[in-house]
């Protein structure tokens, strides 16, 4: 017959089972917490990436919409192919204080490091006496495999052109971004229309 003192205690087997159950509970909680942290980090990265892409989208649309259309004496300086495009446009208002003018010579391209580059230099209406101002490269997006640029003409058969060598400004410019394999990024084409009227 067991005494009252021994009946009130726990056996070694009961203690071991309790420890195993407690360990399983702690393991489950830690895995759940880890999953929650990873999910939060993934969601935050997705939101940041979408916000960055949206900012690039708005920047490129704004530059295209402000393409200098030239005038009756000077044709617009636009040179475009499927991988890059050059034109004169207006930078955002914040750049005016640093440059003294918002007018800039713009080139959009993807460099050898798979970065979407905005290459720009201040536009000078008169030929400078000294050496030209070296262009500045601004990285818009990393991990871009390539871009495909196409141009829609005002006249002629309705289709997209792979190059632009007309004295007129295209009716539309479309930029398709193709990201590197494994990034999981897919973004709709950026299509914008130059809206500045020729003086």
Protein backbone atom coordinates (compact mmCIF):
# COMPACT_ATOMS: atom_id res chain seq x y z
CA UNK A 1 0.00 0.00 0.00
CA UNK A 2 1.40 3.46 -1.05
CA UNK A 3 1.76 6.14 1.61
CA UNK A 4 -0.07 9.49 1.36
CA UNK A 5 3.23 11.31 0.69
CA UNK A 6 4.19 9.19 -2.33
CA UNK A 7 0.62 9.27 -3.71
CA UNK A 8 0.72 13.08 -3.85
CA UNK A 9 3.94 13.20 -6.01
CA UNK A 10 4.67 12.50 -9.69
CA UNK A 11 6.39 9.51 -11.11
CA UNK A 12 9.47 9.87 -13.29
CA UNK A 13 7.45 8.76 -16.34
CA UNK A 14 4.83 11.47 -15.74
CA UNK A 15 7.53 14.15 -15.46
CA UNK A 16 9.18 12.97 -18.70
CA UNK A 17 5.85 12.98 -20.58
CA UNK A 18 5.09 16.47 -19.29
CA UNK A 19 8.50 17.72 -20.44
CA UNK A 20 8.01 16.20 -23.91
CA UNK A 21 4.56 17.81 -24.25
CA UNK A 22 5.94 21.16 -23.07
CA UNK A 23 8.81 20.93 -25.59
CA UNK A 24 6.35 20.18 -28.41
CA UNK A 25 4.22 23.21 -27.41
CA UNK A 26 7.28 25.50 -27.34
CA UNK A 27 8.45 24.14 -30.70
CA UNK A 28 5.03 24.77 -32.23
CA UNK A 29 4.92 28.29 -30.87
CA UNK A 30 8.41 29.11 -32.12
CA UNK A 31 7.65 27.72 -35.61
CA UNK A 32 4.41 29.72 -35.71
CA UNK A 33 6.25 32.87 -34.64
CA UNK A 34 8.96 32.27 -37.26
CA UNK A 35 6.34 31.76 -39.96
CA UNK A 36 4.59 34.95 -38.90
CA UNK A 37 7.82 36.96 -39.01
CA UNK A 38 8.72 35.57 -42.46
CA UNK A 39 5.22 36.31 -43.76
CA UNK A 40 5.43 39.87 -42.43
CA UNK A 41 8.87 40.39 -44.00
CA UNK A 42 7.65 39.02 -47.34
CA UNK A 43 4.60 41.28 -47.27
CA UNK A 44 6.72 44.33 -46.39
CA UNK A 45 9.17 43.55 -49.22
CA UNK A 46 6.29 43.12 -51.67
CA UNK A 47 4.78 46.46 -50.64
CA UNK A 48 8.17 48.22 -50.92
CA UNK A 49 8.80 46.68 -54.34
CA UNK A 50 5.36 47.67 -55.62
CA UNK A 51 5.82 51.21 -54.29
CA UNK A 52 9.23 51.45 -56.00
CA UNK A 53 7.83 50.16 -59.29
CA UNK A 54 4.94 52.61 -59.06
CA UNK A 55 7.37 55.50 -58.52
CA UNK A 56 9.42 54.44 -61.56
CA UNK A 57 6.22 54.11 -63.60
CA UNK A 58 5.15 57.66 -62.69
CA UNK A 59 8.66 59.05 -63.35
CA UNK A 60 8.93 57.54 -66.84
CA UNK A 61 5.39 58.58 -67.75
CA UNK A 62 6.10 62.13 -66.60
CA UNK A 63 9.32 62.36 -68.64
CA UNK A 64 7.61 61.04 -71.78
CA UNK A 65 4.65 63.36 -71.36
CA UNK A 66 7.02 66.34 -71.11
CA UNK A 67 9.12 65.51 -74.21
CA UNK A 68 10.22 68.69 -75.94
CA UNK A 69 8.28 68.73 -79.23
CA UNK A 70 10.68 71.18 -80.89
CA UNK A 71 9.42 74.16 -82.86
CA UNK A 72 8.87 75.15 -86.45
CA UNK A 73 12.60 75.84 -86.85
CA UNK A 74 14.07 72.96 -84.81
CA UNK A 75 12.86 69.38 -84.95
CA UNK A 76 12.65 67.47 -81.66
CA UNK A 77 15.79 65.54 -80.81
CA UNK A 78 14.44 62.02 -80.36
CA UNK A 79 16.49 58.92 -81.13
CA UNK A 80 14.92 55.63 -80.25
CA UNK A 81 15.34 51.91 -80.77
CA UNK A 82 14.05 48.83 -78.98
CA UNK A 83 16.65 49.01 -76.17
CA UNK A 84 17.05 52.74 -75.45
CA UNK A 85 15.52 56.11 -76.20
CA UNK A 86 16.95 59.62 -76.05
CA UNK A 87 14.97 62.87 -75.91
CA UNK A 88 14.82 66.28 -74.28
CA UNK A 89 12.31 66.62 -71.48
CA UNK A 90 11.56 68.34 -68.19
CA UNK A 91 12.85 66.88 -64.96
CA UNK A 92 10.67 67.00 -61.83
CA UNK A 93 10.34 70.38 -60.13
CA UNK A 94 12.83 69.49 -57.39
CA UNK A 95 15.65 69.32 -59.94
CA UNK A 96 15.18 72.93 -61.08
CA UNK A 97 16.89 74.39 -57.99
CA UNK A 98 20.02 72.27 -58.47
CA UNK A 99 20.29 72.67 -62.24
CA UNK A 100 18.89 76.14 -62.74
CA UNK A 101 16.59 74.63 -65.35
CA UNK A 102 14.27 71.65 -65.60
CA UNK A 103 15.21 71.00 -69.23
CA UNK A 104 17.47 67.96 -69.55
CA UNK A 105 18.76 65.57 -72.17
CA UNK A 106 17.41 62.16 -71.17
CA UNK A 107 18.37 58.62 -72.08
CA UNK A 108 16.58 55.52 -70.78
CA UNK A 109 18.45 52.20 -70.99
CA UNK A 110 19.46 49.02 -69.15
CA UNK A 111 23.19 48.76 -68.37
CA UNK A 112 25.45 45.69 -68.23
CA UNK A 113 24.63 45.21 -64.54
CA UNK A 114 20.94 44.78 -65.41
CA UNK A 115 19.90 48.10 -63.92
CA UNK A 116 17.30 50.38 -65.43
CA UNK A 117 19.17 53.67 -65.85
CA UNK A 118 17.97 57.22 -66.27
CA UNK A 119 20.94 59.04 -67.82
CA UNK A 120 20.54 62.81 -67.91
CA UNK A 121 22.45 66.03 -68.36
CA UNK A 122 21.28 69.66 -68.30
CA UNK A 123 19.99 70.82 -71.68
CA UNK A 124 21.78 73.88 -73.08
CA UNK A 125 19.98 75.92 -75.74
CA UNK A 126 23.33 77.36 -76.84
CA UNK A 127 26.47 75.35 -77.49
CA UNK A 128 28.71 75.66 -74.39
CA UNK A 129 32.16 77.20 -74.78
CA UNK A 130 33.80 74.58 -72.58
CA UNK A 131 33.42 70.82 -72.37
CA UNK A 132 29.85 69.53 -72.10
CA UNK A 133 28.45 68.63 -68.71
CA UNK A 134 28.98 64.90 -68.12
CA UNK A 135 25.73 62.96 -67.81
CA UNK A 136 24.50 61.61 -64.49
CA UNK A 137 23.30 58.01 -64.17
CA UNK A 138 20.38 57.48 -61.81
CA UNK A 139 19.49 53.84 -61.07
CA UNK A 140 15.73 53.41 -61.24
CA UNK A 141 15.44 49.63 -60.79
CA UNK A 142 17.80 46.68 -60.27
CA UNK A 143 17.43 43.13 -61.65
CA UNK A 144 16.02 44.23 -65.01
CA UNK A 145 16.96 41.76 -67.75
CA UNK A 146 16.04 44.13 -70.58
CA UNK A 147 13.52 46.69 -71.77
CA UNK A 148 11.60 46.74 -75.02
CA UNK A 149 10.66 50.19 -76.29
CA UNK A 150 8.22 50.78 -79.15
CA UNK A 151 6.78 53.84 -80.82
CA UNK A 152 3.35 54.64 -82.27
CA UNK A 153 3.27 57.06 -85.21
CA UNK A 154 0.59 59.70 -85.84
CA UNK A 155 0.16 58.60 -89.44
CA UNK A 156 0.58 55.47 -91.49
CA UNK A 157 -0.55 51.93 -90.75
CA UNK A 158 -1.55 51.39 -87.12
CA UNK A 159 1.26 49.39 -85.52
CA UNK A 160 4.14 49.73 -83.09
CA UNK A 161 7.57 50.60 -84.51
CA UNK A 162 10.84 49.22 -83.12
CA UNK A 163 12.81 52.37 -84.00
CA UNK A 164 12.03 56.06 -84.24
CA UNK A 165 13.81 58.35 -86.70
CA UNK A 166 11.04 60.77 -87.65
CA UNK A 167 11.21 64.57 -87.27
CA UNK A 168 7.89 64.32 -85.45
CA UNK A 169 7.24 63.26 -81.86
CA UNK A 170 5.63 59.78 -81.63
CA UNK A 171 1.99 59.65 -80.62
CA UNK A 172 2.78 57.05 -77.94
CA UNK A 173 5.85 55.46 -76.41
CA UNK A 174 5.60 52.04 -74.78
CA UNK A 175 8.22 50.62 -72.39
CA UNK A 176 8.04 46.92 -71.47
CA UNK A 177 10.14 45.82 -68.49
CA UNK A 178 11.42 42.24 -68.38
CA UNK A 179 12.96 41.34 -65.02
CA UNK A 180 15.63 38.71 -64.41
CA UNK A 181 14.57 35.10 -63.94
CA UNK A 182 13.72 34.26 -60.35
CA UNK A 183 12.68 37.73 -59.26
CA UNK A 184 8.98 36.94 -59.64
CA UNK A 185 8.32 40.52 -60.75
CA UNK A 186 5.85 41.25 -63.50
CA UNK A 187 4.80 44.82 -64.30
CA UNK A 188 2.37 46.12 -66.92
CA UNK A 189 3.73 48.02 -69.91
CA UNK A 190 4.28 51.74 -69.41
CA UNK A 191 2.47 53.59 -72.19
CA UNK A 192 2.51 57.39 -72.29
CA UNK A 193 1.79 60.15 -74.80
CA UNK A 194 3.90 63.28 -75.22
CA UNK A 195 1.54 66.12 -74.35
CA UNK A 196 3.61 69.29 -74.78
CA UNK A 197 2.48 71.26 -77.81
CA UNK A 198 4.95 72.68 -80.31
CA UNK A 199 5.34 76.47 -79.95
